[in-house]
Amino acid sequence: MADNLDLDQLHDAIKAEISAQFPALASVEDYEAPRKSLQVPAVLIELVDMETDPDSDPGTEQLPAVSKWVARVVMSFRTPKVQREIRKLAGALGVLVHQNRWGHRVSPAQVTYIGPDAFDPEFDKFEVWAVEWDQQIDLGQSVWTGEGVVPEQVMIGFAPDIGPGREPDYSEIEGDGA
């Protein structure tokens, strides 16, 4: 899926897209967001873990992994109708995340949870909901660099009419030359 995926760029792309789609958010941050002085409403992004996926070998000698993400929606408990507002924002964020690739060569995001989250005791005066998703990523450099000889003609044959001496039975596969 990815050719040497840059996790910094992926984080930045997720934050940028959330900021662009939800301009009313006071902040979209990740790991170093100040808990005591956080401007709300806010969304806090975190890559929770990366679970290897040996059944999903991309054939590139990269390490296939399922990345697990959480975006925490944070609102002040003093927000008018906070119970409704946080659910609406978390639902809308889930819609944005659903099937999103963030402009990178990763699998479409699969939302796994939208609901309450009590992740940090410093947020006692806040309402916090989480949007969680999984995304297949391939880590490391692909062995397929795009270098080498590009075939000019590709032929296909069907068994049993294949092999040396059966070349006239083959058909050429037409391509766009790209």
N, C-alpha and C. Protein backbone atom coordinates (compact mmCIF):
# COMPACT_ATOMS: atom_id res chain seq x y z
N MET A 1 0.80 -1.19 0.00
CA MET A 1 0.00 0.00 0.00
C MET A 1 0.84 1.25 0.00
N ALA A 2 1.87 1.26 0.80
CA ALA A 2 2.67 2.48 0.87
C ALA A 2 4.10 2.16 0.50
N ASP A 3 4.78 3.12 -0.07
CA ASP A 3 6.18 2.98 -0.37
C ASP A 3 6.92 3.86 0.62
N ASN A 4 7.41 3.26 1.71
CA ASN A 4 8.09 3.96 2.78
C ASN A 4 7.21 5.06 3.37
N LEU A 5 6.09 4.67 3.90
CA LEU A 5 5.12 5.59 4.49
C LEU A 5 5.76 6.44 5.57
N ASP A 6 5.55 7.75 5.51
CA ASP A 6 6.05 8.68 6.50
C ASP A 6 4.94 8.93 7.52
N LEU A 7 5.09 8.41 8.73
CA LEU A 7 4.05 8.54 9.75
C LEU A 7 3.85 9.99 10.19
N ASP A 8 4.90 10.80 10.15
CA ASP A 8 4.73 12.23 10.45
C ASP A 8 3.79 12.88 9.45
N GLN A 9 3.99 12.58 8.18
CA GLN A 9 3.13 13.16 7.14
C GLN A 9 1.70 12.66 7.27
N LEU A 10 1.53 11.40 7.65
CA LEU A 10 0.18 10.87 7.82
C LEU A 10 -0.53 11.58 8.99
N HIS A 11 0.15 11.74 10.11
CA HIS A 11 -0.41 12.48 11.24
C HIS A 11 -0.83 13.89 10.80
N ASP A 12 0.09 14.58 10.12
CA ASP A 12 -0.17 15.96 9.69
C ASP A 12 -1.35 16.02 8.72
N ALA A 13 -1.46 15.05 7.84
CA ALA A 13 -2.56 15.03 6.87
C ALA A 13 -3.90 14.83 7.58
N ILE A 14 -3.94 13.95 8.57
CA ILE A 14 -5.17 13.72 9.33
C ILE A 14 -5.57 15.00 10.06
N LYS A 15 -4.63 15.61 10.75
CA LYS A 15 -4.91 16.85 11.47
C LYS A 15 -5.38 17.95 10.52
N ALA A 16 -4.72 18.09 9.39
CA ALA A 16 -5.07 19.15 8.43
C ALA A 16 -6.47 18.95 7.87
N GLU A 17 -6.82 17.70 7.54
CA GLU A 17 -8.15 17.46 6.97
C GLU A 17 -9.25 17.69 8.00
N ILE A 18 -9.02 17.28 9.23
CA ILE A 18 -10.01 17.53 10.29
C ILE A 18 -10.16 19.03 10.50
N SER A 19 -9.05 19.77 10.55
CA SER A 19 -9.11 21.22 10.72
C SER A 19 -9.88 21.88 9.57
N ALA A 20 -9.63 21.42 8.35
CA ALA A 20 -10.29 22.01 7.18
C ALA A 20 -11.79 21.72 7.18
N GLN A 21 -12.17 20.51 7.59
CA GLN A 21 -13.58 20.12 7.55
C GLN A 21 -14.39 20.66 8.73
N PHE A 22 -13.70 20.99 9.82
CA PHE A 22 -14.37 21.49 11.02
C PHE A 22 -13.72 22.80 11.47
N PRO A 23 -13.96 23.89 10.74
CA PRO A 23 -13.30 25.15 11.07
C PRO A 23 -13.70 25.73 12.43
N ALA A 24 -14.80 25.28 13.01
CA ALA A 24 -15.23 25.79 14.31
C ALA A 24 -14.40 25.21 15.46
N LEU A 25 -13.58 24.19 15.19
CA LEU A 25 -12.73 23.63 16.25
C LEU A 25 -11.68 24.66 16.65
N ALA A 26 -11.48 24.82 17.94
CA ALA A 26 -10.46 25.74 18.44
C ALA A 26 -9.07 25.14 18.30
N SER A 27 -8.98 23.79 18.32
CA SER A 27 -7.67 23.16 18.16
C SER A 27 -7.82 21.72 17.68
N VAL A 28 -6.87 21.31 16.86
CA VAL A 28 -6.71 19.92 16.43
C VAL A 28 -5.25 19.60 16.69
N GLU A 29 -5.01 18.73 17.65
CA GLU A 29 -3.65 18.48 18.14
C GLU A 29 -3.39 16.97 18.18
N ASP A 30 -2.12 16.65 18.51
CA ASP A 30 -1.82 15.25 18.80
C ASP A 30 -1.14 15.16 20.15
N TYR A 31 -0.11 14.42 20.29
CA TYR A 31 0.41 13.96 21.57
C TYR A 31 0.79 15.04 22.58
N GLU A 32 1.26 16.15 22.15
CA GLU A 32 1.78 17.15 23.08
C GLU A 32 0.77 18.23 23.43
N ALA A 33 -0.51 18.00 23.19
CA ALA A 33 -1.53 19.01 23.47
C ALA A 33 -1.58 19.31 24.97
N PRO A 34 -1.56 20.60 25.35
CA PRO A 34 -1.62 20.95 26.77
C PRO A 34 -3.00 20.67 27.35
N ARG A 35 -3.06 19.83 28.35
CA ARG A 35 -4.35 19.44 28.94
C ARG A 35 -4.99 20.56 29.75
N LYS A 36 -4.19 21.30 30.46
CA LYS A 36 -4.73 22.34 31.35
C LYS A 36 -5.24 23.56 30.58
N SER A 37 -4.58 23.89 29.46
CA SER A 37 -4.94 25.10 28.72
C SER A 37 -5.49 24.80 27.33
N LEU A 38 -6.00 23.61 27.13
CA LEU A 38 -6.50 23.22 25.82
C LEU A 38 -7.68 24.09 25.41
N GLN A 39 -7.61 24.62 24.20
CA GLN A 39 -8.71 25.41 23.64
C GLN A 39 -9.75 24.44 23.08
N VAL A 40 -11.00 24.56 23.55
CA VAL A 40 -12.06 23.66 23.12
C VAL A 40 -13.12 24.45 22.36
N PRO A 41 -13.85 23.80 21.48
CA PRO A 41 -13.83 22.37 21.20
C PRO A 41 -12.54 21.97 20.49
N ALA A 42 -12.14 20.74 20.77
CA ALA A 42 -10.87 20.25 20.24
C ALA A 42 -11.02 18.80 19.79
N VAL A 43 -10.10 18.40 18.91
CA VAL A 43 -9.95 17.00 18.53
C VAL A 43 -8.48 16.66 18.74
N LEU A 44 -8.24 15.59 19.49
CA LEU A 44 -6.89 15.12 19.78
C LEU A 44 -6.67 13.77 19.08
N ILE A 45 -5.66 13.72 18.24
CA ILE A 45 -5.37 12.54 17.42
C ILE A 45 -4.27 11.71 18.08
N GLU A 46 -4.42 10.39 18.02
CA GLU A 46 -3.37 9.52 18.56
C GLU A 46 -3.32 8.22 17.77
N LEU A 47 -2.12 7.83 17.38
CA LEU A 47 -1.87 6.50 16.82
C LEU A 47 -1.64 5.60 18.01
N VAL A 48 -2.61 4.74 18.31
CA VAL A 48 -2.59 3.94 19.54
C VAL A 48 -1.59 2.79 19.45
N ASP A 49 -1.62 2.04 18.35
CA ASP A 49 -0.66 0.97 18.15
C ASP A 49 -0.67 0.52 16.70
N MET A 50 0.28 -0.35 16.39
CA MET A 50 0.39 -0.94 15.05
C MET A 50 0.56 -2.43 15.24
N GLU A 51 -0.44 -3.17 14.83
CA GLU A 51 -0.45 -4.62 14.99
C GLU A 51 -0.01 -5.25 13.67
N THR A 52 1.03 -6.08 13.71
CA THR A 52 1.49 -6.70 12.47
C THR A 52 0.41 -7.62 11.92
N ASP A 53 0.39 -7.72 10.60
CA ASP A 53 -0.64 -8.49 9.91
C ASP A 53 0.03 -9.43 8.90
N PRO A 54 0.57 -10.57 9.38
CA PRO A 54 1.30 -11.47 8.48
C PRO A 54 0.45 -12.07 7.37
N ASP A 55 -0.87 -12.06 7.51
CA ASP A 55 -1.74 -12.60 6.47
C ASP A 55 -1.97 -11.60 5.34
N SER A 56 -1.37 -10.44 5.42
CA SER A 56 -1.60 -9.40 4.44
C SER A 56 -0.29 -8.96 3.79
N ASP A 57 0.52 -9.91 3.36
CA ASP A 57 1.81 -9.62 2.76
C ASP A 57 1.61 -8.87 1.44
N PRO A 58 2.15 -7.65 1.35
CA PRO A 58 1.95 -6.87 0.12
C PRO A 58 2.85 -7.30 -1.04
N GLY A 59 3.77 -8.25 -0.80
CA GLY A 59 4.67 -8.71 -1.86
C GLY A 59 5.76 -7.71 -2.17
N THR A 60 6.05 -6.83 -1.23
CA THR A 60 7.04 -5.77 -1.43
C THR A 60 8.17 -5.85 -0.41
N GLU A 61 8.13 -6.84 0.47
CA GLU A 61 9.04 -7.00 1.60
C GLU A 61 8.86 -5.89 2.64
N GLN A 62 7.74 -5.17 2.58
CA GLN A 62 7.41 -4.21 3.62
C GLN A 62 6.69 -4.95 4.75
N LEU A 63 6.64 -4.31 5.92
CA LEU A 63 5.95 -4.89 7.06
C LEU A 63 4.49 -4.44 7.04
N PRO A 64 3.56 -5.36 6.80
CA PRO A 64 2.14 -4.97 6.83
C PRO A 64 1.66 -4.84 8.27
N ALA A 65 0.94 -3.78 8.53
CA ALA A 65 0.45 -3.53 9.90
C ALA A 65 -0.93 -2.90 9.84
N VAL A 66 -1.72 -3.20 10.87
CA VAL A 66 -3.00 -2.53 11.06
C VAL A 66 -2.75 -1.43 12.08
N SER A 67 -2.85 -0.19 11.63
CA SER A 67 -2.66 0.94 12.55
C SER A 67 -4.00 1.23 13.21
N LYS A 68 -3.96 1.45 14.51
CA LYS A 68 -5.17 1.73 15.28
C LYS A 68 -5.09 3.17 15.78
N TRP A 69 -6.09 3.95 15.40
CA TRP A 69 -6.12 5.38 15.68
C TRP A 69 -7.30 5.74 16.57
N VAL A 70 -7.15 6.84 17.30
CA VAL A 70 -8.27 7.41 18.04
C VAL A 70 -8.21 8.92 17.88
N ALA A 71 -9.38 9.50 17.66
CA ALA A 71 -9.53 10.95 17.66
C ALA A 71 -10.51 11.27 18.79
N ARG A 72 -10.02 12.00 19.79
CA ARG A 72 -10.87 12.34 20.93
C ARG A 72 -11.48 13.72 20.72
N VAL A 73 -12.78 13.77 20.79
CA VAL A 73 -13.52 15.02 20.66
C VAL A 73 -13.71 15.55 22.08
N VAL A 74 -13.25 16.78 22.33
CA VAL A 74 -13.26 17.35 23.67
C VAL A 74 -14.06 18.65 23.66
N MET A 75 -15.03 18.73 24.58
CA MET A 75 -15.84 19.94 24.74
C MET A 75 -15.95 20.28 26.22
N SER A 76 -16.10 21.54 26.51
CA SER A 76 -16.31 21.98 27.88
C SER A 76 -17.68 21.50 28.36
N PHE A 77 -17.76 21.09 29.62
CA PHE A 77 -19.05 20.65 30.14
C PHE A 77 -20.03 21.83 30.22
N ARG A 78 -19.52 23.06 30.08
CA ARG A 78 -20.38 24.25 30.11
C ARG A 78 -20.96 24.59 28.74
N THR A 79 -20.58 23.88 27.71
CA THR A 79 -21.11 24.12 26.37
C THR A 79 -22.62 23.89 26.40
N PRO A 80 -23.41 24.83 25.87
CA PRO A 80 -24.86 24.61 25.84
C PRO A 80 -25.19 23.30 25.10
N LYS A 81 -26.07 22.52 25.70
CA LYS A 81 -26.49 21.23 25.13
C LYS A 81 -25.29 20.34 24.78
N VAL A 82 -24.30 20.31 25.67
CA VAL A 82 -23.05 19.60 25.40
C VAL A 82 -23.28 18.13 25.06
N GLN A 83 -24.25 17.48 25.70
CA GLN A 83 -24.49 16.07 25.44
C GLN A 83 -24.89 15.83 23.98
N ARG A 84 -25.72 16.70 23.44
CA ARG A 84 -26.09 16.58 22.02
C ARG A 84 -24.96 17.01 21.10
N GLU A 85 -24.34 18.13 21.45
CA GLU A 85 -23.31 18.70 20.58
C GLU A 85 -22.12 17.77 20.40
N ILE A 86 -21.69 17.13 21.48
CA ILE A 86 -20.53 16.25 21.36
C ILE A 86 -20.86 15.01 20.53
N ARG A 87 -22.07 14.52 20.65
CA ARG A 87 -22.48 13.36 19.85
C ARG A 87 -22.57 13.74 18.37
N LYS A 88 -23.08 14.93 18.09
CA LYS A 88 -23.17 15.37 16.70
C LYS A 88 -21.78 15.54 16.09
N LEU A 89 -20.87 16.15 16.84
CA LEU A 89 -19.52 16.35 16.33
C LEU A 89 -18.79 15.01 16.17
N ALA A 90 -18.92 14.12 17.13
CA ALA A 90 -18.27 12.80 17.02
C ALA A 90 -18.83 12.02 15.83
N GLY A 91 -20.14 12.10 15.63
CA GLY A 91 -20.74 11.41 14.47
C GLY A 91 -20.25 11.99 13.16
N ALA A 92 -20.18 13.31 13.08
CA ALA A 92 -19.69 13.96 11.86
C ALA A 92 -18.22 13.62 11.61
N LEU A 93 -17.43 13.54 12.68
CA LEU A 93 -16.03 13.16 12.54
C LEU A 93 -15.93 11.71 12.05
N GLY A 94 -16.80 10.84 12.56
CA GLY A 94 -16.82 9.45 12.10
C GLY A 94 -17.10 9.37 10.61
N VAL A 95 -18.00 10.22 10.11
CA VAL A 95 -18.31 10.25 8.68
C VAL A 95 -17.07 10.67 7.88
N LEU A 96 -16.34 11.67 8.38
CA LEU A 96 -15.12 12.12 7.70
C LEU A 96 -14.07 11.01 7.67
N VAL A 97 -13.90 10.32 8.78
CA VAL A 97 -12.89 9.27 8.88
C VAL A 97 -13.24 8.08 7.99
N HIS A 98 -14.52 7.70 7.92
CA HIS A 98 -14.97 6.51 7.19
C HIS A 98 -14.43 6.48 5.76
N GLN A 99 -13.65 5.45 5.45
CA GLN A 99 -13.10 5.19 4.12
C GLN A 99 -12.06 6.23 3.68
N ASN A 100 -11.61 7.10 4.58
CA ASN A 100 -10.65 8.15 4.22
C ASN A 100 -9.24 7.58 4.13
N ARG A 101 -8.48 8.04 3.17
CA ARG A 101 -7.08 7.64 3.01
C ARG A 101 -6.12 8.78 3.33
N TRP A 102 -6.66 9.96 3.60
CA TRP A 102 -5.87 11.12 4.01
C TRP A 102 -4.84 11.55 2.97
N GLY A 103 -5.07 11.19 1.70
CA GLY A 103 -4.14 11.56 0.65
C GLY A 103 -2.88 10.70 0.62
N HIS A 104 -2.90 9.57 1.30
CA HIS A 104 -1.73 8.68 1.35
C HIS A 104 -2.09 7.31 0.80
N ARG A 105 -1.06 6.54 0.50
CA ARG A 105 -1.25 5.18 -0.02
C ARG A 105 -1.41 4.23 1.16
N VAL A 106 -2.59 4.29 1.78
CA VAL A 106 -2.98 3.43 2.88
C VAL A 106 -4.37 2.89 2.56
N SER A 107 -4.80 1.88 3.29
CA SER A 107 -6.14 1.35 3.05
C SER A 107 -7.19 2.37 3.52
N PRO A 108 -8.41 2.24 3.03
CA PRO A 108 -9.48 3.11 3.53
C PRO A 108 -9.70 2.86 5.03
N ALA A 109 -9.92 3.92 5.78
CA ALA A 109 -10.13 3.81 7.22
C ALA A 109 -11.44 3.06 7.51
N GLN A 110 -11.39 2.20 8.52
CA GLN A 110 -12.56 1.45 8.97
C GLN A 110 -12.90 1.90 10.39
N VAL A 111 -13.96 2.66 10.54
CA VAL A 111 -14.37 3.14 11.85
C VAL A 111 -14.81 1.94 12.69
N THR A 112 -14.29 1.85 13.92
CA THR A 112 -14.60 0.71 14.79
C THR A 112 -15.39 1.11 16.03
N TYR A 113 -15.40 2.42 16.37
CA TYR A 113 -16.10 2.84 17.59
C TYR A 113 -16.33 4.34 17.56
N ILE A 114 -17.50 4.75 17.99
CA ILE A 114 -17.81 6.15 18.26
C ILE A 114 -18.57 6.15 19.58
N GLY A 115 -17.99 6.76 20.62
CA GLY A 115 -18.67 6.75 21.90
C GLY A 115 -17.88 7.45 22.99
N PRO A 116 -18.39 7.41 24.23
CA PRO A 116 -17.75 8.09 25.35
C PRO A 116 -16.34 7.59 25.60
N ASP A 117 -15.49 8.49 26.11
CA ASP A 117 -14.12 8.15 26.39
C ASP A 117 -13.68 8.91 27.64
N ALA A 118 -13.27 8.20 28.65
CA ALA A 118 -12.77 8.83 29.89
C ALA A 118 -11.29 8.52 29.99
N PHE A 119 -10.51 9.12 29.09
CA PHE A 119 -9.12 8.70 28.96
C PHE A 119 -8.14 9.44 29.84
N ASP A 120 -8.51 10.59 30.41
CA ASP A 120 -7.52 11.38 31.12
C ASP A 120 -8.19 12.09 32.30
N PRO A 121 -7.72 11.85 33.52
CA PRO A 121 -8.34 12.50 34.69
C PRO A 121 -8.22 14.03 34.66
N GLU A 122 -7.28 14.57 33.87
CA GLU A 122 -7.16 16.02 33.75
C GLU A 122 -8.34 16.62 32.99
N PHE A 123 -9.14 15.78 32.38
CA PHE A 123 -10.29 16.25 31.61
C PHE A 123 -11.60 16.11 32.38
N ASP A 124 -11.55 16.19 33.70
CA ASP A 124 -12.76 16.05 34.51
C ASP A 124 -13.82 17.09 34.18
N LYS A 125 -13.42 18.25 33.73
CA LYS A 125 -14.38 19.32 33.45
C LYS A 125 -14.74 19.38 31.96
N PHE A 126 -14.53 18.28 31.29
CA PHE A 126 -14.81 18.21 29.86
C PHE A 126 -15.66 16.99 29.54
N GLU A 127 -16.39 17.08 28.45
CA GLU A 127 -17.03 15.91 27.86
C GLU A 127 -16.07 15.40 26.79
N VAL A 128 -15.83 14.10 26.75
CA VAL A 128 -14.89 13.53 25.79
C VAL A 128 -15.53 12.30 25.13
N TRP A 129 -15.57 12.33 23.81
CA TRP A 129 -16.00 11.18 23.04
C TRP A 129 -14.87 10.78 22.11
N ALA A 130 -14.83 9.51 21.74
CA ALA A 130 -13.77 9.00 20.88
C ALA A 130 -14.33 8.48 19.56
N VAL A 131 -13.55 8.71 18.52
CA VAL A 131 -13.79 8.07 17.22
C VAL A 131 -12.55 7.22 16.98
N GLU A 132 -12.75 5.91 16.88
CA GLU A 132 -11.62 5.00 16.70
C GLU A 132 -11.71 4.35 15.32
N TRP A 133 -10.54 4.12 14.71
CA TRP A 133 -10.53 3.46 13.41
C TRP A 133 -9.25 2.67 13.21
N ASP A 134 -9.33 1.71 12.29
CA ASP A 134 -8.19 0.90 11.87
C ASP A 134 -7.86 1.26 10.44
N GLN A 135 -6.56 1.16 10.13
CA GLN A 135 -6.12 1.47 8.77
C GLN A 135 -4.90 0.61 8.46
N GLN A 136 -4.97 -0.16 7.38
CA GLN A 136 -3.84 -1.00 6.95
C GLN A 136 -2.76 -0.10 6.38
N ILE A 137 -1.53 -0.29 6.87
CA ILE A 137 -0.38 0.45 6.35
C ILE A 137 0.74 -0.55 6.10
N ASP A 138 1.64 -0.20 5.21
CA ASP A 138 2.83 -1.02 4.95
C ASP A 138 4.04 -0.18 5.31
N LEU A 139 4.85 -0.70 6.23
CA LEU A 139 6.00 0.04 6.74
C LEU A 139 7.29 -0.40 6.07
N GLY A 140 8.16 0.54 5.82
CA GLY A 140 9.46 0.24 5.23
C GLY A 140 9.47 0.51 3.74
N GLN A 141 10.63 0.32 3.15
CA GLN A 141 10.85 0.59 1.73
C GLN A 141 10.45 -0.62 0.89
N SER A 142 9.72 -0.39 -0.17
CA SER A 142 9.35 -1.45 -1.10
C SER A 142 10.57 -1.88 -1.91
N VAL A 143 10.67 -3.17 -2.20
CA VAL A 143 11.74 -3.64 -3.06
C VAL A 143 11.45 -3.30 -4.52
N TRP A 144 10.23 -2.94 -4.81
CA TRP A 144 9.85 -2.57 -6.17
C TRP A 144 10.05 -1.08 -6.35
N THR A 145 11.22 -0.70 -6.82
CA THR A 145 11.59 0.71 -6.92
C THR A 145 11.11 1.35 -8.22
N GLY A 146 10.61 0.55 -9.14
CA GLY A 146 10.20 1.11 -10.43
C GLY A 146 11.35 1.17 -11.42
N GLU A 147 12.52 0.69 -11.02
CA GLU A 147 13.66 0.68 -11.92
C GLU A 147 13.69 -0.64 -12.67
N GLY A 148 14.37 -0.65 -13.81
CA GLY A 148 14.52 -1.88 -14.56
C GLY A 148 13.91 -1.77 -15.94
N VAL A 149 13.72 -2.90 -16.56
CA VAL A 149 13.21 -2.95 -17.92
C VAL A 149 11.69 -3.01 -17.89
N VAL A 150 11.07 -2.15 -18.67
CA VAL A 150 9.62 -2.16 -18.81
C VAL A 150 9.31 -2.98 -20.06
N PRO A 151 8.47 -4.03 -19.95
CA PRO A 151 8.18 -4.84 -21.13
C PRO A 151 7.43 -4.04 -22.19
N GLU A 152 7.80 -4.30 -23.44
CA GLU A 152 7.13 -3.62 -24.55
C GLU A 152 5.97 -4.45 -25.08
N GLN A 153 6.03 -5.76 -24.85
CA GLN A 153 4.99 -6.65 -25.34
C GLN A 153 4.70 -7.69 -24.25
N VAL A 154 3.41 -7.88 -23.94
CA VAL A 154 2.99 -8.87 -22.95
C VAL A 154 2.06 -9.84 -23.65
N MET A 155 2.37 -11.14 -23.50
CA MET A 155 1.59 -12.19 -24.16
C MET A 155 0.97 -13.08 -23.10
N ILE A 156 -0.19 -13.65 -23.45
CA ILE A 156 -0.88 -14.55 -22.52
C ILE A 156 -1.26 -15.83 -23.27
N GLY A 157 -1.12 -16.93 -22.55
CA GLY A 157 -1.52 -18.21 -23.10
C GLY A 157 -2.30 -18.98 -22.05
N PHE A 158 -3.07 -19.96 -22.50
CA PHE A 158 -3.90 -20.75 -21.59
C PHE A 158 -3.51 -22.22 -21.69
N ALA A 159 -3.36 -22.86 -20.52
CA ALA A 159 -3.00 -24.27 -20.46
C ALA A 159 -4.10 -25.10 -21.10
N PRO A 160 -3.79 -26.10 -21.81
CA PRO A 160 -2.48 -26.75 -21.96
C PRO A 160 -1.67 -26.18 -23.13
N ASP A 161 -2.16 -25.17 -23.82
CA ASP A 161 -1.48 -24.64 -25.00
C ASP A 161 -0.45 -23.58 -24.64
N ILE A 162 0.51 -23.96 -23.78
CA ILE A 162 1.54 -23.03 -23.34
C ILE A 162 2.90 -23.68 -23.42
N GLY A 163 3.94 -22.84 -23.34
CA GLY A 163 5.30 -23.35 -23.32
C GLY A 163 5.99 -23.20 -24.66
N PRO A 164 7.26 -23.63 -24.70
CA PRO A 164 8.04 -23.52 -25.95
C PRO A 164 7.35 -24.26 -27.09
N GLY A 165 7.33 -23.61 -28.25
CA GLY A 165 6.69 -24.18 -29.41
C GLY A 165 5.22 -23.82 -29.53
N ARG A 166 4.62 -23.28 -28.48
CA ARG A 166 3.18 -22.92 -28.50
C ARG A 166 2.98 -21.40 -28.59
N GLU A 167 4.06 -20.65 -28.83
CA GLU A 167 3.98 -19.20 -28.89
C GLU A 167 2.90 -18.68 -29.85
N PRO A 168 2.68 -19.33 -30.99
CA PRO A 168 1.63 -18.83 -31.90
C PRO A 168 0.21 -18.89 -31.30
N ASP A 169 0.02 -19.69 -30.23
CA ASP A 169 -1.28 -19.80 -29.57
C ASP A 169 -1.52 -18.68 -28.57
N TYR A 170 -0.51 -17.88 -28.29
CA TYR A 170 -0.61 -16.81 -27.31
C TYR A 170 -1.30 -15.59 -27.95
N SER A 171 -1.89 -14.78 -27.08
CA SER A 171 -2.50 -13.51 -27.51
C SER A 171 -1.78 -12.35 -26.85
N GLU A 172 -1.64 -11.25 -27.57
CA GLU A 172 -1.00 -10.09 -27.01
C GLU A 172 -2.00 -9.30 -26.17
N ILE A 173 -1.54 -8.83 -25.01
CA ILE A 173 -2.37 -7.98 -24.16
C ILE A 173 -2.03 -6.54 -24.52
N GLU A 174 -3.04 -5.81 -24.94
CA GLU A 174 -2.86 -4.41 -25.33
C GLU A 174 -2.86 -3.55 -24.09
N GLY A 175 -1.99 -2.57 -24.06
CA GLY A 175 -1.94 -1.65 -22.93
C GLY A 175 -1.99 -0.22 -23.43
N ASP A 176 -1.99 0.70 -22.48
CA ASP A 176 -2.06 2.12 -22.85
C ASP A 176 -0.67 2.73 -23.02
N GLY A 177 0.38 1.92 -22.82
CA GLY A 177 1.73 2.42 -22.99
C GLY A 177 2.26 3.22 -21.82
N ALA A 178 1.46 3.34 -20.76
CA ALA A 178 1.90 4.14 -19.60
C ALA A 178 2.63 3.29 -18.60
